[in-house]
Protein backbone atom coordinates (compact mmCIF):
# COMPACT_ATOMS: atom_id res chain seq x y z
CA UNK A 1 88.76 -14.53 123.24
CA UNK A 2 87.90 -13.54 119.87
CA UNK A 3 86.92 -17.09 118.82
CA UNK A 4 84.62 -17.50 121.78
CA UNK A 5 82.82 -14.33 120.91
CA UNK A 6 82.48 -15.35 117.38
CA UNK A 7 81.10 -18.74 118.33
CA UNK A 8 78.61 -17.12 120.55
CA UNK A 9 77.46 -14.74 117.70
CA UNK A 10 77.01 -17.55 115.36
CA UNK A 11 75.45 -20.48 117.23
CA UNK A 12 75.59 -19.68 120.93
CA UNK A 13 73.26 -17.86 123.20
CA UNK A 14 71.48 -20.68 125.04
CA UNK A 15 70.91 -22.94 121.95
CA UNK A 16 67.54 -21.32 121.03
CA UNK A 17 66.92 -21.19 117.19
CA UNK A 18 66.60 -17.70 115.63
CA UNK A 19 63.19 -16.77 114.32
CA UNK A 20 63.41 -14.66 111.05
CA UNK A 21 61.79 -11.22 111.45
CA UNK A 22 59.67 -9.95 108.47
CA UNK A 23 58.77 -6.39 108.55
CA UNK A 24 56.10 -6.45 105.90
CA UNK A 25 54.16 -9.29 107.68
CA UNK A 26 54.12 -7.34 110.89
CA UNK A 27 52.81 -4.21 109.19
CA UNK A 28 50.01 -6.07 107.36
CA UNK A 29 49.08 -7.75 110.74
CA UNK A 30 48.95 -4.44 112.40
CA UNK A 31 46.81 -2.95 109.64
CA UNK A 32 44.49 -5.98 109.78
CA UNK A 33 43.92 -5.58 113.49
CA UNK A 34 43.06 -1.95 113.29
CA UNK A 35 40.77 -2.14 110.27
CA UNK A 36 37.14 -3.04 110.83
CA UNK A 37 35.85 -3.01 107.23
CA UNK A 38 36.23 -6.03 104.98
CA UNK A 39 36.65 -5.87 101.23
CA UNK A 40 33.59 -7.15 99.19
CA UNK A 41 33.92 -10.72 98.05
CA UNK A 42 34.29 -11.05 94.33
CA UNK A 43 33.24 -14.25 92.70
CA UNK A 44 35.59 -15.68 90.28
CA UNK A 45 34.78 -15.68 86.61
CA UNK A 46 34.19 -19.49 86.59
CA UNK A 47 31.53 -19.17 89.29
CA UNK A 48 29.62 -16.36 87.47
CA UNK A 49 29.59 -18.42 84.33
CA UNK A 50 28.33 -21.44 86.19
CA UNK A 51 25.38 -19.40 87.72
CA UNK A 52 24.55 -17.94 84.23
CA UNK A 53 24.52 -21.36 82.74
CA UNK A 54 22.27 -22.72 85.49
CA UNK A 55 19.72 -19.86 84.90
CA UNK A 56 19.83 -20.50 81.16
CA UNK A 57 19.18 -24.16 81.73
CA UNK A 58 16.29 -23.44 84.01
CA UNK A 59 14.57 -21.21 81.48
CA UNK A 60 15.16 -23.82 78.80
CA UNK A 61 13.61 -26.50 80.95
CA UNK A 62 10.51 -24.20 81.64
CA UNK A 63 10.07 -23.64 77.90
CA UNK A 64 10.38 -27.34 77.12
CA UNK A 65 7.84 -28.08 79.87
CA UNK A 66 5.41 -25.67 78.41
CA UNK A 67 5.90 -27.04 74.84
CA UNK A 68 5.57 -30.54 76.17
CA UNK A 69 2.43 -29.72 78.08
CA UNK A 70 0.57 -27.49 75.59
CA UNK A 71 2.26 -26.92 72.28
CA UNK A 72 3.87 -30.29 71.36
CA UNK A 73 3.31 -31.95 68.05
CA UNK A 74 1.39 -34.92 69.57
CA UNK A 75 -1.22 -32.71 71.23
CA UNK A 76 -1.81 -30.63 67.99
CA UNK A 77 -2.15 -33.90 65.97
CA UNK A 78 -4.68 -35.18 68.59
CA UNK A 79 -6.77 -31.97 68.27
CA UNK A 80 -6.57 -32.05 64.54
CA UNK A 81 -7.81 -35.65 64.61
CA UNK A 82 -10.64 -34.55 66.92
CA UNK A 83 -11.70 -31.80 64.50
CA UNK A 84 -11.80 -34.23 61.62
CA UNK A 85 -14.06 -36.75 63.33
CA UNK A 86 -17.66 -37.21 62.39
CA UNK A 87 -18.78 -36.87 66.05
CA UNK A 88 -17.26 -33.31 66.22
CA UNK A 89 -18.79 -32.25 62.89
CA UNK A 90 -22.11 -33.73 63.97
CA UNK A 91 -21.98 -31.78 67.27
CA UNK A 92 -21.19 -28.46 65.49
CA UNK A 93 -23.97 -29.24 62.96
CA UNK A 94 -26.38 -29.73 65.89
CA UNK A 95 -25.24 -26.43 67.39
CA UNK A 96 -25.77 -24.61 64.16
CA UNK A 97 -29.31 -25.98 63.67
CA UNK A 98 -30.20 -25.10 67.25
CA UNK A 99 -28.81 -21.62 66.76
CA UNK A 100 -30.93 -21.14 63.58
CA UNK A 101 -33.99 -22.32 65.51
CA UNK A 102 -33.25 -19.91 68.33
CA UNK A 103 -32.77 -17.04 65.99
CA UNK A 104 -36.43 -17.65 64.76
CA UNK A 105 -37.69 -17.85 68.25
CA UNK A 106 -36.00 -14.62 69.24
CA UNK A 107 -37.51 -12.83 66.23
CA UNK A 108 -41.00 -14.12 67.05
CA UNK A 109 -40.67 -12.95 70.70
CA UNK A 110 -39.47 -9.46 69.52
CA UNK A 111 -42.53 -9.10 67.22
CA UNK A 112 -44.92 -10.15 69.99
CA UNK A 113 -43.23 -7.72 72.37
CA UNK A 114 -42.20 -10.34 74.88
CA UNK A 115 -38.92 -10.64 76.74
CA UNK A 116 -36.13 -12.50 74.94
CA UNK A 117 -33.51 -12.55 77.62
CA UNK A 118 -33.34 -16.33 77.74
CA UNK A 119 -32.70 -16.40 73.94
CA UNK A 120 -30.02 -13.82 74.17
CA UNK A 121 -28.29 -15.81 77.00
CA UNK A 122 -28.42 -18.95 74.68
CA UNK A 123 -27.06 -16.86 71.78
CA UNK A 124 -24.03 -15.97 73.96
CA UNK A 125 -23.49 -19.53 74.74
CA UNK A 126 -23.56 -20.37 70.98
CA UNK A 127 -21.00 -17.60 70.27
CA UNK A 128 -18.68 -19.02 72.89
CA UNK A 129 -18.90 -22.40 71.22
CA UNK A 130 -18.06 -20.87 67.87
CA UNK A 131 -15.03 -19.05 69.36
CA UNK A 132 -13.87 -22.27 71.07
CA UNK A 133 -14.15 -24.18 67.75
CA UNK A 134 -12.06 -21.45 66.02
CA UNK A 135 -9.48 -21.53 68.78
CA UNK A 136 -9.14 -25.31 68.37
CA UNK A 137 -8.56 -24.94 64.59
CA UNK A 138 -5.82 -22.35 65.15
CA UNK A 139 -4.26 -24.47 67.90
CA UNK A 140 -4.18 -27.51 65.62
CA UNK A 141 -2.90 -25.90 62.41
CA UNK A 142 -1.31 -22.61 63.64
CA UNK A 143 -1.56 -19.46 61.60
CA UNK A 144 -1.69 -21.56 58.50
CA UNK A 145 -5.35 -22.25 59.29
CA UNK A 146 -6.22 -18.76 58.08
CA UNK A 147 -5.46 -19.88 54.49
CA UNK A 148 -8.59 -22.00 54.52
CA UNK A 149 -11.73 -20.26 53.10
CA UNK A 150 -13.91 -21.94 55.80
CA UNK A 151 -11.75 -20.64 58.62
CA UNK A 152 -11.86 -17.17 57.04
CA UNK A 153 -15.64 -17.45 56.96
CA UNK A 154 -15.64 -18.58 60.59
CA UNK A 155 -13.53 -15.62 61.62
CA UNK A 156 -16.01 -13.31 59.84
CA UNK A 157 -18.97 -14.88 61.70
CA UNK A 158 -17.21 -14.69 65.05
CA UNK A 159 -16.24 -11.07 64.52
CA UNK A 160 -19.84 -10.11 63.59
CA UNK A 161 -21.27 -12.07 66.59
CA UNK A 162 -18.74 -10.49 69.01
CA UNK A 163 -19.42 -6.95 67.61
CA UNK A 164 -23.12 -7.28 67.83
CA UNK A 165 -23.56 -9.16 71.05
CA UNK A 166 -20.80 -7.90 73.27
CA UNK A 167 -20.08 -4.29 71.95
CA UNK A 168 -22.79 -2.63 69.87
CA UNK A 169 -25.86 -3.99 71.71
CA UNK A 170 -24.76 -3.02 75.24
CA UNK A 171 -23.58 0.46 74.03
CA UNK A 172 -26.78 1.20 72.10
CA UNK A 173 -28.94 -0.03 75.02
CA UNK A 174 -27.18 2.41 77.41
CA UNK A 175 -27.14 5.38 75.01
CA UNK A 176 -29.50 5.11 72.03
CA UNK A 177 -28.92 7.90 69.65
CA UNK A 178 -31.67 7.36 67.18
CA UNK A 179 -33.10 4.73 64.78
CA UNK A 180 -29.95 4.57 62.43
CA UNK A 181 -27.64 2.76 64.76
CA UNK A 182 -30.47 0.34 65.69
CA UNK A 183 -31.08 -0.47 62.09
CA UNK A 184 -27.37 -1.15 61.66
CA UNK A 185 -27.58 -3.40 64.64
CA UNK A 186 -30.48 -5.37 63.30
CA UNK A 187 -28.81 -5.76 59.93
CA UNK A 188 -25.68 -7.18 61.60
CA UNK A 189 -27.82 -9.47 63.76
CA UNK A 190 -29.48 -10.80 60.61
CA UNK A 191 -25.96 -11.80 59.44
CA UNK A 192 -26.16 -14.46 62.15
CA UNK A 193 -28.31 -16.46 59.65
CA UNK A 194 -25.06 -16.96 57.60
CA UNK A 195 -23.99 -19.48 60.23
CA UNK A 196 -26.36 -21.98 58.52
CA UNK A 197 -23.86 -21.93 55.56
CA UNK A 198 -21.33 -23.47 57.93
CA UNK A 199 -23.35 -26.56 57.66
CA UNK A 200 -22.35 -26.94 53.97
CA UNK A 201 -18.91 -27.92 55.15
CA UNK A 202 -20.32 -30.79 57.03
CA UNK A 203 -22.41 -32.22 54.17
CA UNK A 204 -19.30 -34.13 52.96
CA UNK A 205 -20.12 -36.87 55.52
CA UNK A 206 -23.47 -37.52 53.79
CA UNK A 207 -22.65 -38.52 50.16
CA UNK A 208 -26.18 -38.05 48.69
CA UNK A 209 -26.67 -34.65 50.27
CA UNK A 210 -23.16 -33.55 49.35
CA UNK A 211 -23.81 -34.65 45.72
CA UNK A 212 -26.96 -32.44 45.69
CA UNK A 213 -25.16 -29.46 47.19
CA UNK A 214 -22.20 -29.84 44.81
CA UNK A 215 -24.60 -30.10 41.94
CA UNK A 216 -26.14 -26.70 42.91
CA UNK A 217 -22.76 -25.14 43.33
CA UNK A 218 -21.44 -26.36 40.00
CA UNK A 219 -24.57 -25.31 38.13
CA UNK A 220 -24.83 -21.87 39.81
CA UNK A 221 -23.44 -20.02 36.83
CA UNK A 222 -25.81 -21.82 34.42
CA UNK A 223 -28.68 -20.98 36.68
CA UNK A 224 -27.69 -17.31 36.52
CA UNK A 225 -27.79 -17.34 32.79
CA UNK A 226 -31.16 -19.11 32.80
CA UNK A 227 -32.59 -16.35 34.95
CA UNK A 228 -31.18 -13.70 32.54
CA UNK A 229 -32.79 -15.55 29.56
CA UNK A 230 -36.15 -15.83 31.44
CA UNK A 231 -36.08 -12.18 32.33
CA UNK A 232 -35.46 -11.16 28.74
CA UNK A 233 -38.15 -13.47 27.53
CA UNK A 234 -40.69 -12.18 29.96
CA UNK A 235 -39.90 -8.57 29.17
CA UNK A 236 -40.26 -9.14 25.34
CA UNK A 237 -43.53 -11.02 25.85
CA UNK A 238 -44.86 -8.25 28.18
CA UNK A 239 -44.05 -5.57 25.62
CA UNK A 240 -45.59 -7.67 22.89
CA UNK A 241 -48.71 -8.18 24.92
CA UNK A 242 -49.02 -4.48 25.65
CA UNK A 243 -48.80 -3.66 21.95
CA UNK A 244 -51.37 -6.34 20.99
CA UNK A 245 -53.84 -5.35 23.75
CA UNK A 246 -53.69 -1.67 23.44
């Protein structure tokens, strides 16, 4: 009797296998059924690093694309070669000569009291051309271009032209406060004639003309001393003449 009861307790009971009962699993299941809110999904560290690396690569590709499209070495060399060609220098020389001629026409029209709107529009076009040329030089050589004396002179001319044409003249036309500012404006506008000196940089393509210009430049100091000697001589002879005549 005792043996049969033990056999029933160990392996009897209809032959059905016993399923282990886990209290913790049942409690978690009950909590999961009753809860409606889910915890926020947290990305693993590897996924975050992967997304960060992807963004960094995208920014790097954009920068490389900009450099390849606008700021690469080949493009700057091509622009530098363009600036050193005879055709570009000839075009700038033609612009300078035309600008000098238009300054004379504008002065003649102002003396005659006629309208000079057309000449002012053409003057603005010339100024835009000079700004574009200066921008090309900075694009080709970078900020190292400012070391050149000619580029410094171009910057001065562009600054004077921008100040007179686009700032001072419109302001003084709206609110003229006397003759003093107008005289300053006219003086600054006469500084436009200094653009003719830009042509001296282009004389190197013409050997004969460049030899003549270089001769004047090299003999400038000697010509100054000649002028001083002539002035002293004329002064002494004038004094001597006054003594003899009177």
